[in-house]
Amino acid sequence: MLYLLALIGLVVVAFLLWKAFGPDTKPVLGDRVLGPDDDPDFLWRMGRENRRKKSDEPDTGSPDKAG
C-alpha cells in the first residue's frame, strides 16, 4: 500500500513539473501588452519633447519681480 501511495505521489509531482517546465510553456511577460506609460521608449521621447519645448520658450521671469 505504501508503494502505491509513493507511486501516485511521484506521478503527481512529475506531472506538475512537466506542466510547469514542459516544452509548451509560454513566457508570462511575453503576452503582456505595454501601455504608453510603461514603454521606456515612449517615456524617453516624451521627456525629450518636454525638454525641447522648455528650451524653446523665452525666459520671461516671474511676474512678481519688483524691478
N, C-alpha and C. Protein backbone atom coordinates (compact mmCIF):
# COMPACT_ATOMS: atom_id res chain seq x y z
N MET A 1 0.83 -1.20 0.00
CA MET A 1 0.00 0.00 0.00
C MET A 1 0.87 1.26 0.00
N LEU A 2 1.95 1.23 0.75
CA LEU A 2 2.84 2.39 0.82
C LEU A 2 3.50 2.67 -0.53
N TYR A 3 3.82 1.57 -1.25
CA TYR A 3 4.43 1.73 -2.57
C TYR A 3 3.45 2.36 -3.56
N LEU A 4 2.20 2.02 -3.43
CA LEU A 4 1.18 2.59 -4.31
C LEU A 4 1.03 4.09 -4.07
N LEU A 5 1.01 4.52 -2.81
CA LEU A 5 0.93 5.95 -2.50
C LEU A 5 2.17 6.69 -2.97
N ALA A 6 3.34 6.09 -2.82
CA ALA A 6 4.57 6.70 -3.29
C ALA A 6 4.56 6.83 -4.81
N LEU A 7 4.04 5.83 -5.51
CA LEU A 7 3.96 5.88 -6.96
C LEU A 7 3.00 6.97 -7.42
N ILE A 8 1.87 7.08 -6.75
CA ILE A 8 0.90 8.13 -7.10
C ILE A 8 1.50 9.51 -6.83
N GLY A 9 2.20 9.66 -5.73
CA GLY A 9 2.85 10.94 -5.42
C GLY A 9 3.91 11.30 -6.45
N LEU A 10 4.69 10.31 -6.87
CA LEU A 10 5.72 10.53 -7.87
C LEU A 10 5.11 10.94 -9.21
N VAL A 11 4.01 10.30 -9.58
CA VAL A 11 3.33 10.65 -10.84
C VAL A 11 2.78 12.07 -10.76
N VAL A 12 2.20 12.44 -9.64
CA VAL A 12 1.65 13.78 -9.48
C VAL A 12 2.77 14.83 -9.55
N VAL A 13 3.87 14.59 -8.88
CA VAL A 13 5.00 15.53 -8.91
C VAL A 13 5.58 15.64 -10.31
N ALA A 14 5.72 14.50 -11.00
CA ALA A 14 6.24 14.52 -12.36
C ALA A 14 5.30 15.29 -13.30
N PHE A 15 3.99 15.11 -13.14
CA PHE A 15 3.03 15.83 -13.96
C PHE A 15 3.09 17.33 -13.71
N LEU A 16 3.17 17.73 -12.45
CA LEU A 16 3.23 19.15 -12.14
C LEU A 16 4.51 19.79 -12.67
N LEU A 17 5.63 19.09 -12.56
CA LEU A 17 6.89 19.61 -13.11
C LEU A 17 6.83 19.71 -14.63
N TRP A 18 6.18 18.73 -15.26
CA TRP A 18 6.07 18.76 -16.72
C TRP A 18 5.19 19.94 -17.16
N LYS A 19 4.10 20.19 -16.43
CA LYS A 19 3.23 21.32 -16.77
C LYS A 19 3.93 22.65 -16.53
N ALA A 20 4.77 22.73 -15.52
CA ALA A 20 5.44 23.98 -15.19
C ALA A 20 6.60 24.27 -16.12
N PHE A 21 7.37 23.25 -16.48
CA PHE A 21 8.60 23.47 -17.24
C PHE A 21 8.62 22.73 -18.57
N GLY A 22 7.47 22.27 -19.03
CA GLY A 22 7.40 21.49 -20.26
C GLY A 22 7.66 22.33 -21.50
N PRO A 23 7.68 21.71 -22.67
CA PRO A 23 8.01 22.41 -23.91
C PRO A 23 6.94 23.38 -24.38
N ASP A 24 5.71 23.26 -23.93
CA ASP A 24 4.65 24.13 -24.41
C ASP A 24 4.39 25.32 -23.50
N THR A 25 5.32 25.63 -22.61
CA THR A 25 5.10 26.77 -21.72
C THR A 25 5.34 28.07 -22.47
N LYS A 26 4.53 29.06 -22.18
CA LYS A 26 4.66 30.37 -22.79
C LYS A 26 5.23 31.33 -21.73
N PRO A 27 6.09 32.25 -22.13
CA PRO A 27 6.56 33.23 -21.15
C PRO A 27 5.41 34.15 -20.73
N VAL A 28 5.32 34.39 -19.46
CA VAL A 28 4.22 35.19 -18.92
C VAL A 28 4.34 36.64 -19.37
N LEU A 29 5.55 37.19 -19.37
CA LEU A 29 5.72 38.60 -19.73
C LEU A 29 5.65 38.83 -21.23
N GLY A 30 5.78 37.79 -22.04
CA GLY A 30 5.74 37.96 -23.48
C GLY A 30 4.35 38.33 -23.98
N ASP A 31 3.31 37.91 -23.30
CA ASP A 31 1.95 38.19 -23.71
C ASP A 31 1.43 39.51 -23.16
N ARG A 32 2.17 40.13 -22.30
CA ARG A 32 1.72 41.35 -21.65
C ARG A 32 1.79 42.52 -22.62
N VAL A 33 0.74 43.29 -22.67
CA VAL A 33 0.68 44.47 -23.53
C VAL A 33 1.15 45.67 -22.71
N LEU A 34 2.13 46.39 -23.25
CA LEU A 34 2.64 47.56 -22.55
C LEU A 34 1.81 48.78 -22.91
N GLY A 35 1.39 49.50 -21.92
CA GLY A 35 0.74 50.77 -22.16
C GLY A 35 1.79 51.84 -22.38
N PRO A 36 1.38 53.01 -22.86
CA PRO A 36 2.38 54.05 -23.13
C PRO A 36 3.16 54.48 -21.90
N ASP A 37 2.55 54.42 -20.73
CA ASP A 37 3.26 54.85 -19.53
C ASP A 37 4.23 53.79 -19.03
N ASP A 38 4.21 52.57 -19.61
CA ASP A 38 5.16 51.52 -19.25
C ASP A 38 6.27 51.35 -20.28
N ASP A 39 6.13 52.00 -21.43
CA ASP A 39 7.07 51.83 -22.53
C ASP A 39 8.24 52.79 -22.34
N PRO A 40 9.47 52.29 -22.16
CA PRO A 40 10.61 53.18 -21.92
C PRO A 40 10.92 54.08 -23.11
N ASP A 41 10.71 53.59 -24.33
CA ASP A 41 10.97 54.44 -25.49
C ASP A 41 9.99 55.60 -25.56
N PHE A 42 8.74 55.33 -25.26
CA PHE A 42 7.73 56.38 -25.26
C PHE A 42 8.05 57.44 -24.20
N LEU A 43 8.42 56.99 -23.02
CA LEU A 43 8.75 57.94 -21.95
C LEU A 43 9.98 58.76 -22.32
N TRP A 44 10.96 58.14 -22.98
CA TRP A 44 12.16 58.87 -23.39
C TRP A 44 11.80 59.95 -24.42
N ARG A 45 10.95 59.59 -25.39
CA ARG A 45 10.54 60.57 -26.40
C ARG A 45 9.76 61.72 -25.77
N MET A 46 8.89 61.40 -24.83
CA MET A 46 8.10 62.46 -24.18
C MET A 46 9.01 63.39 -23.37
N GLY A 47 9.98 62.82 -22.68
CA GLY A 47 10.92 63.65 -21.93
C GLY A 47 11.74 64.53 -22.85
N ARG A 48 12.15 63.98 -23.99
CA ARG A 48 12.93 64.76 -24.95
C ARG A 48 12.09 65.91 -25.51
N GLU A 49 10.80 65.64 -25.82
CA GLU A 49 9.93 66.70 -26.33
C GLU A 49 9.70 67.77 -25.27
N ASN A 50 9.53 67.38 -24.02
CA ASN A 50 9.32 68.36 -22.95
C ASN A 50 10.55 69.24 -22.76
N ARG A 51 11.75 68.64 -22.80
CA ARG A 51 12.97 69.44 -22.68
C ARG A 51 13.12 70.39 -23.86
N ARG A 52 12.78 69.92 -25.05
CA ARG A 52 12.88 70.77 -26.23
C ARG A 52 11.90 71.95 -26.14
N LYS A 53 10.68 71.70 -25.69
CA LYS A 53 9.69 72.77 -25.55
C LYS A 53 10.13 73.78 -24.51
N LYS A 54 10.71 73.31 -23.40
CA LYS A 54 11.18 74.24 -22.36
C LYS A 54 12.34 75.08 -22.85
N SER A 55 13.20 74.52 -23.67
CA SER A 55 14.34 75.30 -24.16
C SER A 55 13.92 76.29 -25.24
N ASP A 56 12.81 76.02 -25.93
CA ASP A 56 12.32 76.95 -26.97
C ASP A 56 11.54 78.12 -26.39
N GLU A 57 11.00 77.98 -25.18
CA GLU A 57 10.21 79.07 -24.58
C GLU A 57 11.13 80.18 -24.10
N PRO A 58 10.73 81.42 -24.34
CA PRO A 58 11.57 82.53 -23.83
C PRO A 58 11.43 82.64 -22.32
N ASP A 59 12.48 83.06 -21.68
CA ASP A 59 12.50 83.20 -20.23
C ASP A 59 11.92 84.57 -19.90
N THR A 60 10.67 84.57 -19.43
CA THR A 60 10.00 85.84 -19.11
C THR A 60 10.20 86.24 -17.66
N GLY A 61 10.66 85.36 -16.85
CA GLY A 61 10.84 85.66 -15.43
C GLY A 61 9.53 85.57 -14.71
N SER A 62 9.58 85.75 -13.41
CA SER A 62 8.33 85.66 -12.66
C SER A 62 7.62 87.01 -12.70
N PRO A 63 6.31 87.02 -12.73
CA PRO A 63 5.57 88.27 -12.81
C PRO A 63 5.58 89.07 -11.51
N ASP A 64 6.01 88.47 -10.40
CA ASP A 64 6.00 89.16 -9.12
C ASP A 64 7.30 89.91 -8.85
N LYS A 65 8.26 89.90 -9.76
CA LYS A 65 9.52 90.56 -9.52
C LYS A 65 9.36 92.08 -9.51
N ALA A 66 9.95 92.67 -8.52
CA ALA A 66 9.95 94.14 -8.46
C ALA A 66 11.25 94.61 -9.12
N GLY A 67 11.16 95.50 -10.08
CA GLY A 67 12.37 95.85 -10.76
C GLY A 67 12.60 97.24 -10.93
